[in-house]
Amino acid sequence: MIYVTCDLCGKQIQPGSDHSYVVKIEVFPLHDPAELTEADLDEDHLEAVSQMLREVDDPSECDSPEPAEKKFRYDLCCDCKAKFVRDPLGREPAPTLDFSEN
């Protein structure tokens, strides 16, 4: 049997009996870095290629860049799905507590 829990509240979701939802989020750059422009074609990239080759020879200097695209997948129960749809970016302020003045 497959057990699924809500990724937001931790409630166990029963397959087939409870309504469950999947939220998929994809993050990617607005500008496509692979897109060529006229400026790219006019530039002489010989020095940049030479630098890349030197970095490959010395891996200690090479930093692994973060991937340009990232995907997320979350399982949500019915209640958390309603909360997520109402405020997907989590901008709703947290409720404030009112304490008595003792």
PDB file of N, CA and C in Angstrom:
ATOM      1  N   MET A   1       0.840  -1.174   0.000  1.00  0.00           N
ATOM      2  CA  MET A   1       0.000   0.000   0.000  1.00  0.00           C
ATOM      3  C   MET A   1       0.891   1.246   0.000  1.00  0.00           C
ATOM      4  N   ILE A   2       0.482   2.236  -0.752  1.00  0.00           N
ATOM      5  CA  ILE A   2       1.223   3.482  -0.851  1.00  0.00           C
ATOM      6  C   ILE A   2       0.669   4.471   0.167  1.00  0.00           C
ATOM      7  N   TYR A   3       1.554   5.045   0.972  1.00  0.00           N
ATOM      8  CA  TYR A   3       1.168   6.047   1.964  1.00  0.00           C
ATOM      9  C   TYR A   3       1.600   7.413   1.459  1.00  0.00           C
ATOM     10  N   VAL A   4       0.659   8.339   1.468  1.00  0.00           N
ATOM     11  CA  VAL A   4       0.941   9.703   1.028  1.00  0.00           C
ATOM     12  C   VAL A   4       0.586  10.633   2.179  1.00  0.00           C
ATOM     13  N   THR A   5       1.457  11.589   2.439  1.00  0.00           N
ATOM     14  CA  THR A   5       1.172  12.595   3.456  1.00  0.00           C
ATOM     15  C   THR A   5       1.178  13.967   2.812  1.00  0.00           C
ATOM     16  N   CYS A   6       0.413  14.855   3.395  1.00  0.00           N
ATOM     17  CA  CYS A   6       0.365  16.234   2.916  1.00  0.00           C
ATOM     18  C   CYS A   6       1.715  16.880   3.223  1.00  0.00           C
ATOM     19  N   ASP A   7       2.312  17.480   2.224  1.00  0.00           N
ATOM     20  CA  ASP A   7       3.621  18.103   2.407  1.00  0.00           C
ATOM     21  C   ASP A   7       3.546  19.401   3.198  1.00  0.00           C
ATOM     22  N   LEU A   8       2.346  19.908   3.434  1.00  0.00           N
ATOM     23  CA  LEU A   8       2.222  21.146   4.190  1.00  0.00           C
ATOM     24  C   LEU A   8       1.890  20.892   5.659  1.00  0.00           C
ATOM     25  N   CYS A   9       0.880  20.062   5.928  1.00  0.00           N
ATOM     26  CA  CYS A   9       0.467  19.854   7.322  1.00  0.00           C
ATOM     27  C   CYS A   9       0.865  18.489   7.877  1.00  0.00           C
ATOM     28  N   GLY A  10       1.259  17.561   7.031  1.00  0.00           N
ATOM     29  CA  GLY A  10       1.694  16.239   7.493  1.00  0.00           C
ATOM     30  C   GLY A  10       0.576  15.232   7.659  1.00  0.00           C
ATOM     31  N   LYS A  11      -0.662  15.628   7.373  1.00  0.00           N
ATOM     32  CA  LYS A  11      -1.802  14.724   7.494  1.00  0.00           C
ATOM     33  C   LYS A  11      -1.667  13.578   6.496  1.00  0.00           C
ATOM     34  N   GLN A  12      -1.992  12.353   6.951  1.00  0.00           N
ATOM     35  CA  GLN A  12      -1.930  11.204   6.056  1.00  0.00           C
ATOM     36  C   GLN A  12      -3.117  11.244   5.103  1.00  0.00           C
ATOM     37  N   ILE A  13      -2.853  11.057   3.824  1.00  0.00           N
ATOM     38  CA  ILE A  13      -3.882  11.073   2.797  1.00  0.00           C
ATOM     39  C   ILE A  13      -4.149   9.643   2.372  1.00  0.00           C
ATOM     40  N   GLN A  14      -5.377   9.193   2.514  1.00  0.00           N
ATOM     41  CA  GLN A  14      -5.758   7.835   2.132  1.00  0.00           C
ATOM     42  C   GLN A  14      -5.999   7.790   0.625  1.00  0.00           C
ATOM     43  N   PRO A  15      -5.232   6.963  -0.098  1.00  0.00           N
ATOM     44  CA  PRO A  15      -5.441   6.879  -1.547  1.00  0.00           C
ATOM     45  C   PRO A  15      -6.845   6.359  -1.859  1.00  0.00           C
ATOM     46  N   GLY A  16      -7.536   7.042  -2.741  1.00  0.00           N
ATOM     47  CA  GLY A  16      -8.853   6.615  -3.166  1.00  0.00           C
ATOM     48  C   GLY A  16      -9.990   7.153  -2.328  1.00  0.00           C
ATOM     49  N   SER A  17      -9.794   7.363  -1.027  1.00  0.00           N
ATOM     50  CA  SER A  17     -10.895   7.818  -0.178  1.00  0.00           C
ATOM     51  C   SER A  17     -10.820   9.325   0.093  1.00  0.00           C
ATOM     52  N   ASP A  18      -9.640   9.868   0.241  1.00  0.00           N
ATOM     53  CA  ASP A  18      -9.481  11.306   0.472  1.00  0.00           C
ATOM     54  C   ASP A  18      -9.157  12.001  -0.842  1.00  0.00           C
ATOM     55  N   HIS A  19      -9.550  13.252  -0.924  1.00  0.00           N
ATOM     56  CA  HIS A  19      -9.160  14.041  -2.084  1.00  0.00           C
ATOM     57  C   HIS A  19      -7.751  14.566  -1.837  1.00  0.00           C
ATOM     58  N   SER A  20      -6.881  14.319  -2.761  1.00  0.00           N
ATOM     59  CA  SER A  20      -5.524  14.845  -2.645  1.00  0.00           C
ATOM     60  C   SER A  20      -5.190  15.598  -3.922  1.00  0.00           C
ATOM     61  N   TYR A  21      -4.257  16.493  -3.799  1.00  0.00           N
ATOM     62  CA  TYR A  21      -3.906  17.355  -4.914  1.00  0.00           C
ATOM     63  C   TYR A  21      -2.389  17.390  -5.063  1.00  0.00           C
ATOM     64  N   VAL A  22      -1.945  17.627  -6.282  1.00  0.00           N
ATOM     65  CA  VAL A  22      -0.525  17.765  -6.573  1.00  0.00           C
ATOM     66  C   VAL A  22      -0.283  19.196  -7.038  1.00  0.00           C
ATOM     67  N   VAL A  23       0.713  19.828  -6.436  1.00  0.00           N
ATOM     68  CA  VAL A  23       1.135  21.167  -6.853  1.00  0.00           C
ATOM     69  C   VAL A  23       2.510  21.013  -7.482  1.00  0.00           C
ATOM     70  N   LYS A  24       2.645  21.495  -8.713  1.00  0.00           N
ATOM     71  CA  LYS A  24       3.938  21.474  -9.402  1.00  0.00           C
ATOM     72  C   LYS A  24       4.360  22.920  -9.631  1.00  0.00           C
ATOM     73  N   ILE A  25       5.591  23.214  -9.248  1.00  0.00           N
ATOM     74  CA  ILE A  25       6.135  24.559  -9.412  1.00  0.00           C
ATOM     75  C   ILE A  25       7.406  24.440 -10.240  1.00  0.00           C
ATOM     76  N   GLU A  26       7.531  25.297 -11.227  1.00  0.00           N
ATOM     77  CA  GLU A  26       8.705  25.300 -12.085  1.00  0.00           C
ATOM     78  C   GLU A  26       9.320  26.691 -12.041  1.00  0.00           C
ATOM     79  N   VAL A  27      10.601  26.770 -11.736  1.00  0.00           N
ATOM     80  CA  VAL A  27      11.318  28.038 -11.665  1.00  0.00           C
ATOM     81  C   VAL A  27      12.356  28.050 -12.775  1.00  0.00           C
ATOM     82  N   PHE A  28      12.311  29.095 -13.601  1.00  0.00           N
ATOM     83  CA  PHE A  28      13.267  29.188 -14.707  1.00  0.00           C
ATOM     84  C   PHE A  28      13.534  30.652 -14.996  1.00  0.00           C
ATOM     85  N   PRO A  29      14.669  30.950 -15.613  1.00  0.00           N
ATOM     86  CA  PRO A  29      15.008  32.351 -15.872  1.00  0.00           C
ATOM     87  C   PRO A  29      14.085  32.960 -16.922  1.00  0.00           C
ATOM     88  N   LEU A  30      13.805  34.240 -16.755  1.00  0.00           N
ATOM     89  CA  LEU A  30      12.972  34.949 -17.714  1.00  0.00           C
ATOM     90  C   LEU A  30      13.674  35.051 -19.060  1.00  0.00           C
ATOM     91  N   HIS A  31      14.959  35.313 -19.035  1.00  0.00           N
ATOM     92  CA  HIS A  31      15.762  35.413 -20.249  1.00  0.00           C
ATOM     93  C   HIS A  31      16.404  34.066 -20.518  1.00  0.00           C
ATOM     94  N   ASP A  32      16.287  33.573 -21.715  1.00  0.00           N
ATOM     95  CA  ASP A  32      16.891  32.296 -22.084  1.00  0.00           C
ATOM     96  C   ASP A  32      18.387  32.518 -22.318  1.00  0.00           C
ATOM     97  N   PRO A  33      19.255  31.982 -21.417  1.00  0.00           N
ATOM     98  CA  PRO A  33      20.697  32.214 -21.582  1.00  0.00           C
ATOM     99  C   PRO A  33      21.261  31.572 -22.845  1.00  0.00           C
ATOM    100  N   ALA A  34      20.556  30.625 -23.432  1.00  0.00           N
ATOM    101  CA  ALA A  34      21.041  29.968 -24.637  1.00  0.00           C
ATOM    102  C   ALA A  34      20.672  30.749 -25.899  1.00  0.00           C
ATOM    103  N   GLU A  35      19.874  31.788 -25.764  1.00  0.00           N
ATOM    104  CA  GLU A  35      19.431  32.581 -26.909  1.00  0.00           C
ATOM    105  C   GLU A  35      20.580  33.455 -27.413  1.00  0.00           C
ATOM    106  N   LEU A  36      20.831  33.431 -28.690  1.00  0.00           N
ATOM    107  CA  LEU A  36      21.901  34.236 -29.294  1.00  0.00           C
ATOM    108  C   LEU A  36      21.364  35.596 -29.711  1.00  0.00           C
ATOM    109  N   THR A  37      22.193  36.620 -29.513  1.00  0.00           N
ATOM    110  CA  THR A  37      21.846  37.972 -29.939  1.00  0.00           C
ATOM    111  C   THR A  37      22.902  38.458 -30.920  1.00  0.00           C
ATOM    112  N   GLU A  38      22.645  39.596 -31.544  1.00  0.00           N
ATOM    113  CA  GLU A  38      23.620  40.183 -32.473  1.00  0.00           C
ATOM    114  C   GLU A  38      24.934  40.499 -31.761  1.00  0.00           C
ATOM    115  N   ALA A  39      24.850  40.961 -30.521  1.00  0.00           N
ATOM    116  CA  ALA A  39      26.055  41.285 -29.758  1.00  0.00           C
ATOM    117  C   ALA A  39      26.905  40.030 -29.534  1.00  0.00           C
ATOM    118  N   ASP A  40      26.255  38.886 -29.303  1.00  0.00           N
ATOM    119  CA  ASP A  40      26.993  37.637 -29.129  1.00  0.00           C
ATOM    120  C   ASP A  40      27.753  37.266 -30.395  1.00  0.00           C
ATOM    121  N   LEU A  41      27.141  37.508 -31.541  1.00  0.00           N
ATOM    122  CA  LEU A  41      27.777  37.147 -32.807  1.00  0.00           C
ATOM    123  C   LEU A  41      28.923  38.090 -33.150  1.00  0.00           C
ATOM    124  N   ASP A  42      28.833  39.346 -32.716  1.00  0.00           N
ATOM    125  CA  ASP A  42      29.873  40.331 -33.023  1.00  0.00           C
ATOM    126  C   ASP A  42      31.100  40.169 -32.132  1.00  0.00           C
ATOM    127  N   GLU A  43      30.921  39.616 -30.923  1.00  0.00           N
ATOM    128  CA  GLU A  43      32.018  39.493 -29.959  1.00  0.00           C
ATOM    129  C   GLU A  43      32.993  38.385 -30.354  1.00  0.00           C
ATOM    130  N   ASP A  44      34.276  38.586 -30.008  1.00  0.00           N
ATOM    131  CA  ASP A  44      35.291  37.552 -30.201  1.00  0.00           C
ATOM    132  C   ASP A  44      35.396  36.769 -28.901  1.00  0.00           C
ATOM    133  N   HIS A  45      35.009  35.508 -28.917  1.00  0.00           N
ATOM    134  CA  HIS A  45      34.943  34.699 -27.709  1.00  0.00           C
ATOM    135  C   HIS A  45      36.187  33.828 -27.493  1.00  0.00           C
ATOM    136  N   LEU A  46      37.258  34.095 -28.207  1.00  0.00           N
ATOM    137  CA  LEU A  46      38.460  33.282 -28.101  1.00  0.00           C
ATOM    138  C   LEU A  46      39.041  33.298 -26.689  1.00  0.00           C
ATOM    139  N   GLU A  47      39.089  34.455 -26.052  1.00  0.00           N
ATOM    140  CA  GLU A  47      39.636  34.553 -24.694  1.00  0.00           C
ATOM    141  C   GLU A  47      38.738  33.825 -23.694  1.00  0.00           C
ATOM    142  N   ALA A  48      37.429  33.929 -23.861  1.00  0.00           N
ATOM    143  CA  ALA A  48      36.501  33.245 -22.959  1.00  0.00           C
ATOM    144  C   ALA A  48      36.645  31.728 -23.076  1.00  0.00           C
ATOM    145  N   VAL A  49      36.815  31.230 -24.287  1.00  0.00           N
ATOM    146  CA  VAL A  49      37.000  29.786 -24.494  1.00  0.00           C
ATOM    147  C   VAL A  49      38.320  29.346 -23.877  1.00  0.00           C
ATOM    148  N   SER A  50      39.354  30.160 -24.023  1.00  0.00           N
ATOM    149  CA  SER A  50      40.652  29.850 -23.434  1.00  0.00           C
ATOM    150  C   SER A  50      40.554  29.761 -21.912  1.00  0.00           C
ATOM    151  N   GLN A  51      39.825  30.682 -21.304  1.00  0.00           N
ATOM    152  CA  GLN A  51      39.633  30.666 -19.846  1.00  0.00           C
ATOM    153  C   GLN A  51      38.875  29.412 -19.422  1.00  0.00           C
ATOM    154  N   MET A  52      37.841  29.026 -20.167  1.00  0.00           N
ATOM    155  CA  MET A  52      37.081  27.814 -19.846  1.00  0.00           C
ATOM    156  C   MET A  52      37.965  26.577 -19.904  1.00  0.00           C
ATOM    157  N   LEU A  53      38.830  26.531 -20.882  1.00  0.00           N
ATOM    158  CA  LEU A  53      39.739  25.381 -21.003  1.00  0.00           C
ATOM    159  C   LEU A  53      40.717  25.330 -19.837  1.00  0.00           C
ATOM    160  N   ARG A  54      41.183  26.495 -19.381  1.00  0.00           N
ATOM    161  CA  ARG A  54      42.074  26.517 -18.211  1.00  0.00           C
ATOM    162  C   ARG A  54      41.338  26.028 -16.967  1.00  0.00           C
ATOM    163  N   GLU A  55      40.070  26.402 -16.809  1.00  0.00           N
ATOM    164  CA  GLU A  55      39.289  25.961 -15.652  1.00  0.00           C
ATOM    165  C   GLU A  55      39.041  24.459 -15.678  1.00  0.00           C
ATOM    166  N   VAL A  56      38.876  23.902 -16.854  1.00  0.00           N
ATOM    167  CA  VAL A  56      38.679  22.455 -16.969  1.00  0.00           C
ATOM    168  C   VAL A  56      39.952  21.728 -16.561  1.00  0.00           C
ATOM    169  N   ASP A  57      41.109  22.308 -16.890  1.00  0.00           N
ATOM    170  CA  ASP A  57      42.380  21.706 -16.503  1.00  0.00           C
ATOM    171  C   ASP A  57      42.584  21.753 -14.999  1.00  0.00           C
ATOM    172  N   ASP A  58      42.058  22.778 -14.331  1.00  0.00           N
ATOM    173  CA  ASP A  58      42.192  22.931 -12.889  1.00  0.00           C
ATOM    174  C   ASP A  58      40.796  22.953 -12.266  1.00  0.00           C
ATOM    175  N   PRO A  59      40.262  21.783 -11.904  1.00  0.00           N
ATOM    176  CA  PRO A  59      38.882  21.728 -11.413  1.00  0.00           C
ATOM    177  C   PRO A  59      38.672  22.432 -10.071  1.00  0.00           C
ATOM    178  N   SER A  60      39.734  22.729  -9.322  1.00  0.00           N
ATOM    179  CA  SER A  60      39.557  23.412  -8.040  1.00  0.00           C
ATOM    180  C   SER A  60      39.056  24.840  -8.233  1.00  0.00           C
ATOM    181  N   GLU A  61      39.325  25.446  -9.383  1.00  0.00           N
ATOM    182  CA  GLU A  61      38.888  26.805  -9.651  1.00  0.00           C
ATOM    183  C   GLU A  61      37.468  26.856 -10.218  1.00  0.00           C
ATOM    184  N   CYS A  62      36.968  25.744 -10.682  1.00  0.00           N
ATOM    185  CA  CYS A  62      35.670  25.711 -11.349  1.00  0.00           C
ATOM    186  C   CYS A  62      34.545  25.605 -10.324  1.00  0.00           C
ATOM    187  N   ASP A  63      33.623  26.550 -10.339  1.00  0.00           N
ATOM    188  CA  ASP A  63      32.447  26.498  -9.481  1.00  0.00           C
ATOM    189  C   ASP A  63      31.306  25.878 -10.268  1.00  0.00           C
ATOM    190  N   SER A  64      30.588  24.976  -9.632  1.00  0.00           N
ATOM    191  CA  SER A  64      29.438  24.376 -10.290  1.00  0.00           C
ATOM    192  C   SER A  64      28.278  25.353 -10.214  1.00  0.00           C
ATOM    193  N   PRO A  65      27.821  25.832 -11.353  1.00  0.00           N
ATOM    194  CA  PRO A  65      26.703  26.783 -11.312  1.00  0.00           C
ATOM    195  C   PRO A  65      25.405  26.067 -10.949  1.00  0.00           C
ATOM    196  N   GLU A  66      24.523  26.809 -10.322  1.00  0.00           N
ATOM    197  CA  GLU A  66      23.216  26.265  -9.980  1.00  0.00           C
ATOM    198  C   GLU A  66      22.428  26.076 -11.277  1.00  0.00           C
ATOM    199  N   PRO A  67      21.654  24.997 -11.375  1.00  0.00           N
ATOM    200  CA  PRO A  67      20.895  24.805 -12.611  1.00  0.00           C
ATOM    201  C   PRO A  67      19.939  25.971 -12.867  1.00  0.00           C
ATOM    202  N   ALA A  68      19.759  26.319 -14.127  1.00  0.00           N
ATOM    203  CA  ALA A  68      18.912  27.454 -14.477  1.00  0.00           C
ATOM    204  C   ALA A  68      17.443  27.149 -14.257  1.00  0.00           C
ATOM    205  N   GLU A  69      17.089  25.881 -14.278  1.00  0.00           N
ATOM    206  CA  GLU A  69      15.695  25.487 -14.117  1.00  0.00           C
ATOM    207  C   GLU A  69      15.559  24.550 -12.933  1.00  0.00           C
ATOM    208  N   LYS A  70      14.505  24.734 -12.144  1.00  0.00           N
ATOM    209  CA  LYS A  70      14.275  23.874 -10.987  1.00  0.00           C
ATOM    210  C   LYS A  70      12.786  23.566 -10.912  1.00  0.00           C
ATOM    211  N   LYS A  71      12.463  22.298 -10.616  1.00  0.00           N
ATOM    212  CA  LYS A  71      11.066  21.882 -10.524  1.00  0.00           C
ATOM    213  C   LYS A  71      10.792  21.322  -9.131  1.00  0.00           C
ATOM    214  N   PHE A  72       9.590  21.625  -8.616  1.00  0.00           N
ATOM    215  CA  PHE A  72       9.160  21.148  -7.307  1.00  0.00           C
ATOM    216  C   PHE A  72       7.818  20.446  -7.474  1.00  0.00           C
ATOM    217  N   ARG A  73       7.555  19.446  -6.612  1.00  0.00           N
ATOM    218  CA  ARG A  73       6.276  18.732  -6.626  1.00  0.00           C
ATOM    219  C   ARG A  73       5.855  18.517  -5.177  1.00  0.00           C
ATOM    220  N   TYR A  74       4.616  18.885  -4.851  1.00  0.00           N
ATOM    221  CA  TYR A  74       4.100  18.743  -3.501  1.00  0.00           C
ATOM    222  C   TYR A  74       2.734  18.065  -3.536  1.00  0.00           C
ATOM    223  N   ASP A  75       2.482  17.186  -2.566  1.00  0.00           N
ATOM    224  CA  ASP A  75       1.180  16.562  -2.375  1.00  0.00           C
ATOM    225  C   ASP A  75       0.469  17.336  -1.271  1.00  0.00           C
ATOM    226  N   LEU A  76      -0.784  17.736  -1.527  1.00  0.00           N
ATOM    227  CA  LEU A  76      -1.540  18.503  -0.550  1.00  0.00           C
ATOM    228  C   LEU A  76      -2.887  17.846  -0.273  1.00  0.00           C
ATOM    229  N   CYS A  77      -3.330  17.954   0.989  1.00  0.00           N
ATOM    230  CA  CYS A  77      -4.675  17.502   1.348  1.00  0.00           C
ATOM    231  C   CYS A  77      -5.660  18.576   0.884  1.00  0.00           C
ATOM    232  N   CYS A  78      -6.940  18.298   1.026  1.00  0.00           N
ATOM    233  CA  CYS A  78      -7.989  19.209   0.561  1.00  0.00           C
ATOM    234  C   CYS A  78      -7.908  20.572   1.265  1.00  0.00           C
ATOM    235  N   ASP A  79      -7.703  20.575   2.582  1.00  0.00           N
ATOM    236  CA  ASP A  79      -7.642  21.831   3.336  1.00  0.00           C
ATOM    237  C   ASP A  79      -6.432  22.671   2.924  1.00  0.00           C
ATOM    238  N   CYS A  80      -5.280  22.030   2.804  1.00  0.00           N
ATOM    239  CA  CYS A  80      -4.060  22.768   2.443  1.00  0.00           C
ATOM    240  C   CYS A  80      -4.110  23.253   0.999  1.00  0.00           C
ATOM    241  N   LYS A  81      -4.779  22.499   0.138  1.00  0.00           N
ATOM    242  CA  LYS A  81      -4.959  22.938  -1.256  1.00  0.00           C
ATOM    243  C   LYS A  81      -5.749  24.235  -1.282  1.00  0.00           C
ATOM    244  N   ALA A  82      -6.808  24.327  -0.458  1.00  0.00           N
ATOM    245  CA  ALA A  82      -7.613  25.549  -0.404  1.00  0.00           C
ATOM    246  C   ALA A  82      -6.776  26.724   0.096  1.00  0.00           C
ATOM    247  N   LYS A  83      -5.940  26.489   1.117  1.00  0.00           N
ATOM    248  CA  LYS A  83      -5.056  27.548   1.632  1.00  0.00           C
ATOM    249  C   LYS A  83      -4.051  27.976   0.565  1.00  0.00           C
ATOM    250  N   PHE A  84      -3.499  26.999  -0.154  1.00  0.00           N
ATOM    251  CA  PHE A  84      -2.491  27.297  -1.177  1.00  0.00           C
ATOM    252  C   PHE A  84      -3.097  28.106  -2.319  1.00  0.00           C
ATOM    253  N   VAL A  85      -4.286  27.717  -2.770  1.00  0.00           N
ATOM    254  CA  VAL A  85      -4.933  28.426  -3.875  1.00  0.00           C
ATOM    255  C   VAL A  85      -5.282  29.858  -3.454  1.00  0.00           C
ATOM    256  N   ARG A  86      -5.673  30.039  -2.200  1.00  0.00           N
ATOM    257  CA  ARG A  86      -6.024  31.359  -1.695  1.00  0.00           C
ATOM    258  C   ARG A  86      -4.790  32.268  -1.596  1.00  0.00           C
ATOM    259  N   ASP A  87      -3.627  31.699  -1.235  1.00  0.00           N
ATOM    260  CA  ASP A  87      -2.410  32.498  -1.021  1.00  0.00           C
ATOM    261  C   ASP A  87      -1.179  31.701  -1.458  1.00  0.00           C
ATOM    262  N   PRO A  88      -0.965  31.534  -2.777  1.00  0.00           N
ATOM    263  CA  PRO A  88       0.119  30.664  -3.240  1.00  0.00           C
ATOM    264  C   PRO A  88       1.531  31.129  -2.875  1.00  0.00           C
ATOM    265  N   LEU A  89       1.730  32.415  -2.682  1.00  0.00           N
ATOM    266  CA  LEU A  89       3.066  32.915  -2.351  1.00  0.00           C
ATOM    267  C   LEU A  89       3.286  33.092  -0.859  1.00  0.00           C
ATOM    268  N   GLY A  90       2.308  32.756  -0.043  1.00  0.00           N
ATOM    269  CA  GLY A  90       2.459  32.859   1.406  1.00  0.00           C
ATOM    270  C   GLY A  90       2.573  34.282   1.894  1.00  0.00           C
ATOM    271  N   ARG A  91       1.866  35.192   1.272  1.00  0.00           N
ATOM    272  CA  ARG A  91       1.946  36.606   1.652  1.00  0.00           C
ATOM    273  C   ARG A  91       0.960  36.986   2.742  1.00  0.00           C
ATOM    274  N   GLU A  92       0.019  36.107   3.038  1.00  0.00           N
ATOM    275  CA  GLU A  92      -0.948  36.386   4.093  1.00  0.00           C
ATOM    276  C   GLU A  92      -0.210  36.539   5.411  1.00  0.00           C
ATOM    277  N   PRO A  93      -0.430  37.634   6.129  1.00  0.00           N
ATOM    278  CA  PRO A  93       0.290  37.785   7.404  1.00  0.00           C
ATOM    279  C   PRO A  93      -0.172  36.733   8.421  1.00  0.00           C
ATOM    280  N   ALA A  94       0.754  36.322   9.253  1.00  0.00           N
ATOM    281  CA  ALA A  94       0.424  35.373  10.321  1.00  0.00           C
ATOM    282  C   ALA A  94      -0.513  36.046  11.297  1.00  0.00           C
ATOM    283  N   PRO A  95      -1.448  35.289  11.864  1.00  0.00           N
ATOM    284  CA  PRO A  95      -2.369  35.914  12.834  1.00  0.00           C
ATOM    285  C   PRO A  95      -1.605  36.419  14.050  1.00  0.00           C
ATOM    286  N   THR A  96      -2.030  37.574  14.531  1.00  0.00           N
ATOM    287  CA  THR A  96      -1.379  38.144  15.715  1.00  0.00           C
ATOM    288  C   THR A  96      -2.099  37.678  16.964  1.00  0.00           C
ATOM    289  N   LEU A  97      -1.371  37.595  18.053  1.00  0.00           N
ATOM    290  CA  LEU A  97      -1.937  37.184  19.322  1.00  0.00           C
ATOM    291  C   LEU A  97      -2.206  38.420  20.160  1.00  0.00           C
ATOM    292  N   ASP A  98      -3.396  38.475  20.737  1.00  0.00           N
ATOM    293  CA  ASP A  98      -3.746  39.582  21.606  1.00  0.00           C
ATOM    294  C   ASP A  98      -3.611  39.118  23.060  1.00  0.00           C
ATOM    295  N   PHE A  99      -2.711  39.747  23.781  1.00  0.00           N
ATOM    296  CA  PHE A  99      -2.492  39.426  25.174  1.00  0.00           C
ATOM    297  C   PHE A  99      -3.185  40.456  26.054  1.00  0.00           C
ATOM    298  N   SER A 100      -3.689  39.999  27.182  1.00  0.00           N
ATOM    299  CA  SER A 100      -4.311  40.935  28.123  1.00  0.00           C
ATOM    300  C   SER A 100      -3.230  41.766  28.806  1.00  0.00           C
ATOM    301  N   GLU A 101      -3.594  42.928  29.265  1.00  0.00           N
ATOM    302  CA  GLU A 101      -2.629  43.814  29.917  1.00  0.00           C
ATOM    303  C   GLU A 101      -2.659  43.572  31.422  1.00  0.00           C
ATOM    304  N   ASN A 102      -2.019  42.543  31.889  1.00  0.00           N
ATOM    305  CA  ASN A 102      -1.980  42.238  33.346  1.00  0.00           C
ATOM    306  C   ASN A 102      -0.733  42.782  33.958  1.00  0.00           C
TER     307      ASN A 102
END
